[in-house]
Amino acid sequence: MVTDIFQAAMLVSLFSAMLRIATPVIFAALGELVAERSGVMNLGVEGIMLTGAFVGFVVADKSDSYLVAVVLAIVAGGIMGLLMSFMSVSLKLNQTVVGLGLNLLASGLTFYLYRISYEIEGTMEIPRIETLQNIEVPLLSKIPFLGPIIFNQNIMTYLAILMVPLIWFVLYRTKLGLLIRGLGEYPRAVDVKGISVDRYRYIAVMFGGMMAGLGGAFLTIGYSGIFVQEISAGRGWLAIVIVIAGNWRPGRILFASLLFAMLDAFQLQIQAVGVQIPYQILLAMPYIFAILVLMGSRARSVPPGSLGEPYSRE
């Protein structure tokens, strides 16, 4: 049965699933990258993804417009980012505590609103929506092996991949990117130039929230078609680990996201072919590996110099 996994058709299925699974994590990790590059550690990514998943699902179900659903999920993520910014940048509260508080808020609020919206009681059937359809890129999707994997995905997966070089370009080839990196390394130098540290940290954290909201929307609109309690399932925390493992660089973050997604896709494939391994171990594989990677990359990772430190003008 194990040999079945390595047949060509199964490999195409495996790598295609890898890209789909990686999509929400790529969005969230890139958003967290921008926030942390500005000096703010947003540990509320898990809760923001959950919020985006809820808003995206409900709006898509009630309005039948996926575009509106995605836009409002992004807005919801931005509002959560604004809340994080207000408490950590303006009020200068402990960023770890604020992030954990956002996660608790999102966990309770989304499930409460979900029960109200659908009057869920007992074993009532879970509401479902149609997920986004895959879009075949003409000609490119016909390339043997790689074509069906890379060029037969839904539009949000394409967007996630395109965001990697875009974020890299903004951070390393524009004045805005230089400013954001300066905020994370030495905010006083930015302040001396007459630029508002708080304003641009607000922008960076809100952008990070919008990206996490977009990633959350993918979980319901582009992947599962349902909303259940804690549907983010640790992906927000995984995104934070990936930023550290990727040493705060977009290209490495993409590679780390795909690696973790590969483990997740592989455990699904193993279950599908009937390999006799307890499924609990298979489900835990990506997260066990995340802990090992975090431990192994500790010496090589160099975080922004002022990460997690509130800035006060003297």
Protein backbone atom coordinates (compact mmCIF):
# COMPACT_ATOMS: atom_id res chain seq x y z
CA MET A 1 0.00 0.00 0.00
CA VAL A 2 2.85 2.39 0.72
CA THR A 3 4.09 2.02 -2.87
CA ASP A 4 0.71 3.30 -4.09
CA ILE A 5 1.58 6.72 -2.67
CA PHE A 6 4.53 7.09 -5.04
CA GLN A 7 2.64 6.40 -8.26
CA ALA A 8 2.50 9.36 -10.66
CA ALA A 9 -1.21 10.07 -10.19
CA MET A 10 -0.89 9.87 -6.43
CA LEU A 11 2.12 12.20 -6.46
CA VAL A 12 0.18 14.76 -8.49
CA SER A 13 -2.65 14.52 -5.98
CA LEU A 14 -0.18 14.82 -3.09
CA PHE A 15 1.56 17.94 -4.38
CA SER A 16 -1.72 19.56 -5.45
CA ALA A 17 -3.05 19.04 -1.94
CA MET A 18 0.18 20.48 -0.57
CA LEU A 19 -0.41 23.78 -2.38
CA ARG A 20 -4.01 23.97 -1.20
CA ILE A 21 -3.08 23.22 2.40
CA ALA A 22 -0.23 25.73 2.30
CA THR A 23 -2.40 28.58 0.95
CA PRO A 24 -3.92 29.89 4.22
CA VAL A 25 -0.62 29.50 6.05
CA ILE A 26 1.24 31.47 3.36
CA PHE A 27 -1.25 34.33 3.64
CA ALA A 28 -1.05 34.40 7.44
CA ALA A 29 2.74 34.00 7.59
CA LEU A 30 3.37 36.79 5.08
CA GLY A 31 1.07 39.09 7.04
CA GLU A 32 2.83 38.20 10.28
CA LEU A 33 6.17 38.81 8.57
CA VAL A 34 5.21 42.41 7.78
CA ALA A 35 3.88 42.98 11.31
CA GLU A 36 6.99 41.56 12.95
CA ARG A 37 9.29 43.46 10.60
CA SER A 38 7.64 46.60 11.98
CA GLY A 39 8.44 45.48 15.52
CA VAL A 40 5.06 44.10 16.63
CA MET A 41 4.67 40.42 17.45
CA ASN A 42 1.04 39.59 16.77
CA LEU A 43 0.25 36.32 18.52
CA GLY A 44 -3.41 36.78 17.67
CA VAL A 45 -3.01 35.33 14.17
CA GLU A 46 -4.94 32.20 15.10
CA GLY A 47 -7.93 34.21 16.25
CA ILE A 48 -7.80 36.52 13.24
CA MET A 49 -7.79 33.53 10.87
CA LEU A 50 -10.78 32.13 12.74
CA THR A 51 -12.58 35.46 12.38
CA GLY A 52 -11.85 35.58 8.65
CA ALA A 53 -13.08 32.00 8.24
CA PHE A 54 -16.35 32.81 10.02
CA VAL A 55 -17.05 36.06 8.18
CA GLY A 56 -16.12 34.55 4.83
CA PHE A 57 -18.40 31.56 5.35
CA VAL A 58 -21.44 33.48 6.58
CA VAL A 59 -21.23 36.21 3.93
CA ALA A 60 -20.68 33.69 1.13
CA ASP A 61 -23.66 31.67 2.35
CA LYS A 62 -26.02 34.61 2.83
CA SER A 63 -25.01 36.70 -0.20
CA ASP A 64 -23.89 34.06 -2.72
CA SER A 65 -21.00 36.41 -3.57
CA TYR A 66 -17.54 35.04 -2.93
CA LEU A 67 -15.96 38.37 -3.82
CA VAL A 68 -17.97 40.18 -1.14
CA ALA A 69 -17.20 37.36 1.31
CA VAL A 70 -13.45 37.61 0.72
CA VAL A 71 -13.48 41.42 0.93
CA LEU A 72 -15.41 41.40 4.21
CA ALA A 73 -13.15 38.68 5.64
CA ILE A 74 -10.18 40.91 4.83
CA VAL A 75 -11.95 43.86 6.48
CA ALA A 76 -12.70 41.75 9.56
CA GLY A 77 -9.03 40.74 9.76
CA GLY A 78 -8.04 44.39 9.43
CA ILE A 79 -10.35 45.35 12.30
CA MET A 80 -8.78 42.67 14.48
CA GLY A 81 -5.38 44.02 13.47
CA LEU A 82 -6.55 47.51 14.41
CA LEU A 83 -7.57 46.23 17.83
CA MET A 84 -4.18 44.58 18.24
CA SER A 85 -2.47 47.81 17.18
CA PHE A 86 -4.47 49.97 19.56
CA MET A 87 -3.69 47.82 22.58
CA SER A 88 -0.05 47.05 21.78
CA VAL A 89 1.08 50.25 20.04
CA SER A 90 -1.06 53.01 21.56
CA LEU A 91 -1.71 51.55 25.02
CA LYS A 92 1.66 49.75 24.99
CA LEU A 93 0.26 46.62 26.62
CA ASN A 94 2.20 43.38 26.63
CA GLN A 95 2.00 42.06 23.07
CA THR A 96 1.94 38.41 24.13
CA VAL A 97 -1.01 38.95 26.46
CA VAL A 98 -2.89 41.02 23.86
CA GLY A 99 -2.41 38.36 21.20
CA LEU A 100 -3.63 35.58 23.47
CA GLY A 101 -6.61 37.73 24.41
CA LEU A 102 -7.54 38.18 20.74
CA ASN A 103 -7.43 34.43 20.24
CA LEU A 104 -9.79 33.85 23.16
CA LEU A 105 -12.12 36.61 21.96
CA ALA A 106 -12.30 35.21 18.43
CA SER A 107 -12.79 31.64 19.62
CA GLY A 108 -15.79 32.45 21.78
CA LEU A 109 -17.33 35.19 19.64
CA THR A 110 -17.25 33.38 16.30
CA PHE A 111 -18.84 30.20 17.63
CA TYR A 112 -21.48 32.18 19.51
CA LEU A 113 -22.38 34.20 16.40
CA TYR A 114 -22.36 31.03 14.31
CA ARG A 115 -24.88 29.36 16.61
CA ILE A 116 -27.07 32.44 16.48
CA SER A 117 -26.82 32.77 12.70
CA TYR A 118 -27.79 29.16 12.03
CA GLU A 119 -29.66 28.27 15.23
CA ILE A 120 -27.43 25.22 15.67
CA GLU A 121 -28.81 22.79 18.24
CA GLY A 122 -28.01 19.15 18.97
CA THR A 123 -27.02 17.12 15.92
CA MET A 124 -28.45 19.48 13.32
CA GLU A 125 -26.82 19.11 9.92
CA ILE A 126 -23.85 21.45 9.42
CA PRO A 127 -24.51 24.16 6.81
CA ARG A 128 -22.32 23.93 3.71
CA ILE A 129 -21.34 26.14 0.80
CA GLU A 130 -19.74 25.41 -2.54
CA THR A 131 -15.99 25.98 -2.54
CA LEU A 132 -14.12 27.95 -5.17
CA GLN A 133 -13.55 26.03 -8.37
CA ASN A 134 -10.08 25.39 -9.74
CA ILE A 135 -8.97 27.49 -12.70
CA GLU A 136 -6.85 25.77 -15.33
CA VAL A 137 -4.21 28.05 -16.84
CA PRO A 138 -4.33 27.49 -20.63
CA LEU A 139 -1.34 25.58 -22.03
CA LEU A 140 0.58 25.66 -18.74
CA SER A 141 -1.85 23.25 -17.09
CA LYS A 142 -0.99 20.70 -19.81
CA ILE A 143 2.68 20.52 -18.83
CA PRO A 144 3.35 16.93 -17.75
CA PHE A 145 3.33 16.40 -13.98
CA LEU A 146 3.92 20.07 -12.97
CA GLY A 147 0.98 21.45 -14.95
CA PRO A 148 -1.83 19.77 -12.98
CA ILE A 149 -0.06 20.59 -9.70
CA ILE A 150 0.77 24.28 -10.11
CA PHE A 151 -1.59 25.52 -12.82
CA ASN A 152 -4.85 23.87 -11.78
CA GLN A 153 -5.60 25.60 -8.50
CA ASN A 154 -8.22 28.10 -7.35
CA ILE A 155 -7.64 31.82 -7.60
CA MET A 156 -6.75 32.26 -3.90
CA THR A 157 -3.89 29.77 -4.18
CA TYR A 158 -2.52 31.64 -7.19
CA LEU A 159 -2.80 34.87 -5.21
CA ALA A 160 -0.95 33.40 -2.22
CA ILE A 161 1.97 32.35 -4.41
CA LEU A 162 2.07 35.74 -6.16
CA MET A 163 2.10 37.54 -2.82
CA VAL A 164 5.52 36.08 -1.97
CA PRO A 165 7.54 38.00 -4.61
CA LEU A 166 5.29 41.03 -4.10
CA ILE A 167 6.00 41.19 -0.36
CA TRP A 168 9.70 40.62 -1.05
CA PHE A 169 9.75 43.49 -3.54
CA VAL A 170 7.97 45.88 -1.17
CA LEU A 171 10.18 45.02 1.81
CA TYR A 172 13.53 45.06 0.00
CA ARG A 173 13.10 47.30 -3.03
CA THR A 174 10.90 50.19 -1.88
CA LYS A 175 11.17 53.08 0.57
CA LEU A 176 8.09 51.79 2.39
CA GLY A 177 9.78 48.43 2.93
CA LEU A 178 12.93 50.14 4.21
CA LEU A 179 10.77 52.13 6.62
CA ILE A 180 8.98 49.02 7.89
CA ARG A 181 12.26 47.19 8.44
CA GLY A 182 13.64 50.27 10.18
CA LEU A 183 10.68 50.25 12.58
CA GLY A 184 11.54 46.73 13.62
CA GLU A 185 15.28 47.26 13.92
CA TYR A 186 15.68 50.76 15.35
CA PRO A 187 12.45 52.77 15.60
CA ARG A 188 14.18 55.78 17.17
CA ALA A 189 16.05 56.43 13.92
CA VAL A 190 12.70 56.50 12.11
CA ASP A 191 11.26 58.84 14.73
CA VAL A 192 14.23 61.21 14.44
CA LYS A 193 13.44 61.64 10.75
CA GLY A 194 10.01 62.96 11.70
CA ILE A 195 8.10 59.82 10.69
CA SER A 196 5.38 58.53 13.02
CA VAL A 197 6.42 55.15 14.39
CA ASP A 198 2.95 54.41 15.73
CA ARG A 199 1.20 55.22 12.46
CA TYR A 200 3.28 52.86 10.36
CA ARG A 201 3.17 50.12 12.96
CA TYR A 202 -0.61 50.44 12.83
CA ILE A 203 -0.50 50.04 9.06
CA ALA A 204 1.81 47.02 9.22
CA VAL A 205 -0.19 45.20 11.88
CA MET A 206 -3.50 45.95 10.17
CA PHE A 207 -2.06 44.60 6.91
CA GLY A 208 -0.97 41.49 8.77
CA GLY A 209 -4.50 41.12 10.12
CA MET A 210 -5.99 41.51 6.65
CA MET A 211 -3.71 38.79 5.31
CA ALA A 212 -4.63 36.46 8.19
CA GLY A 213 -8.31 37.20 7.55
CA LEU A 214 -7.79 36.31 3.89
CA GLY A 215 -6.12 33.06 4.92
CA GLY A 216 -9.02 32.28 7.21
CA ALA A 217 -11.52 32.94 4.43
CA PHE A 218 -9.73 30.37 2.29
CA LEU A 219 -10.34 27.70 4.92
CA THR A 220 -14.10 27.95 4.44
CA ILE A 221 -14.52 29.36 0.93
CA GLY A 222 -11.64 27.70 -0.88
CA TYR A 223 -11.04 24.48 1.03
CA SER A 224 -13.67 22.95 3.31
CA GLY A 225 -17.00 24.61 2.48
CA ILE A 226 -18.05 24.49 6.14
CA PHE A 227 -17.43 26.38 9.36
CA VAL A 228 -16.82 24.53 12.60
CA GLN A 229 -15.48 25.66 15.94
CA GLU A 230 -11.69 26.21 15.85
CA ILE A 231 -11.52 25.48 12.11
CA SER A 232 -8.17 27.29 12.00
CA ALA A 233 -6.81 24.25 13.91
CA GLY A 234 -3.50 25.81 14.93
CA ARG A 235 -2.63 27.23 11.51
CA GLY A 236 -2.17 30.70 13.00
CA TRP A 237 0.38 29.39 15.46
CA LEU A 238 2.00 27.45 12.65
CA ALA A 239 2.30 30.68 10.65
CA ILE A 240 4.21 32.29 13.52
CA VAL A 241 6.57 29.31 13.70
CA ILE A 242 7.08 29.50 9.92
CA VAL A 243 8.08 33.17 10.13
CA ILE A 244 10.75 32.25 12.67
CA ALA A 245 11.84 29.14 10.75
CA GLY A 246 12.00 31.23 7.57
CA ASN A 247 14.23 33.77 9.33
CA TRP A 248 11.82 36.62 8.49
CA ARG A 249 12.37 36.30 4.72
CA PRO A 250 9.52 35.79 2.21
CA GLY A 251 11.22 33.12 0.08
CA ARG A 252 12.18 30.99 3.04
CA ILE A 253 8.69 31.43 4.49
CA LEU A 254 7.22 30.03 1.26
CA PHE A 255 9.56 27.03 1.44
CA ALA A 256 8.74 26.39 5.11
CA SER A 257 5.00 26.69 4.41
CA LEU A 258 5.21 24.15 1.61
CA LEU A 259 7.26 21.80 3.77
CA PHE A 260 4.73 21.80 6.59
CA ALA A 261 1.87 21.48 4.11
CA MET A 262 3.61 18.52 2.52
CA LEU A 263 3.59 16.71 5.86
CA ASP A 264 -0.10 17.45 6.28
CA ALA A 265 -0.91 16.30 2.74
CA PHE A 266 1.23 13.19 3.22
CA GLN A 267 -0.63 12.13 6.35
CA LEU A 268 -3.93 12.52 4.51
CA GLN A 269 -2.58 10.40 1.66
CA ILE A 270 -1.37 7.72 4.06
CA GLN A 271 -4.83 7.51 5.63
CA ALA A 272 -6.43 7.33 2.18
CA VAL A 273 -4.41 4.29 1.10
CA GLY A 274 -5.09 2.53 4.38
CA VAL A 275 -1.65 2.42 6.04
CA GLN A 276 -2.18 1.10 9.54
CA ILE A 277 -0.87 3.96 11.65
CA PRO A 278 -2.99 5.61 14.39
CA TYR A 279 -4.51 8.68 12.76
CA GLN A 280 -3.81 10.78 15.86
CA ILE A 281 -0.08 10.38 15.20
CA LEU A 282 -0.56 11.35 11.56
CA LEU A 283 -2.54 14.47 12.48
CA ALA A 284 0.16 15.52 14.92
CA MET A 285 3.02 15.11 12.41
CA PRO A 286 3.13 18.70 11.07
CA TYR A 287 2.99 20.20 14.56
CA ILE A 288 5.63 17.87 15.97
CA PHE A 289 7.84 18.80 13.07
CA ALA A 290 7.10 22.50 13.68
CA ILE A 291 8.40 22.18 17.25
CA LEU A 292 11.54 20.40 16.05
CA VAL A 293 12.17 23.03 13.39
CA LEU A 294 11.64 25.82 15.92
CA MET A 295 14.18 24.22 18.23
CA GLY A 296 16.65 23.65 15.40
CA SER A 297 16.37 27.14 13.89
CA ARG A 298 16.76 28.97 17.19
CA ALA A 299 20.49 29.56 16.72
CA ARG A 300 20.17 30.66 13.07
CA SER A 301 17.11 32.90 13.38
CA VAL A 302 17.83 36.60 13.79
CA PRO A 303 14.64 38.50 14.71
CA PRO A 304 14.20 42.25 14.21
CA GLY A 305 16.09 44.09 16.93
CA SER A 306 13.05 45.78 18.49
CA LEU A 307 10.54 42.98 18.01
CA GLY A 308 7.94 42.95 20.77
CA GLU A 309 9.16 46.19 22.35
CA PRO A 310 6.70 49.12 22.59
CA TYR A 311 8.19 52.43 21.47
CA SER A 312 7.94 55.58 23.56
CA ARG A 313 9.28 58.97 22.59
CA GLU A 314 11.59 60.54 25.15
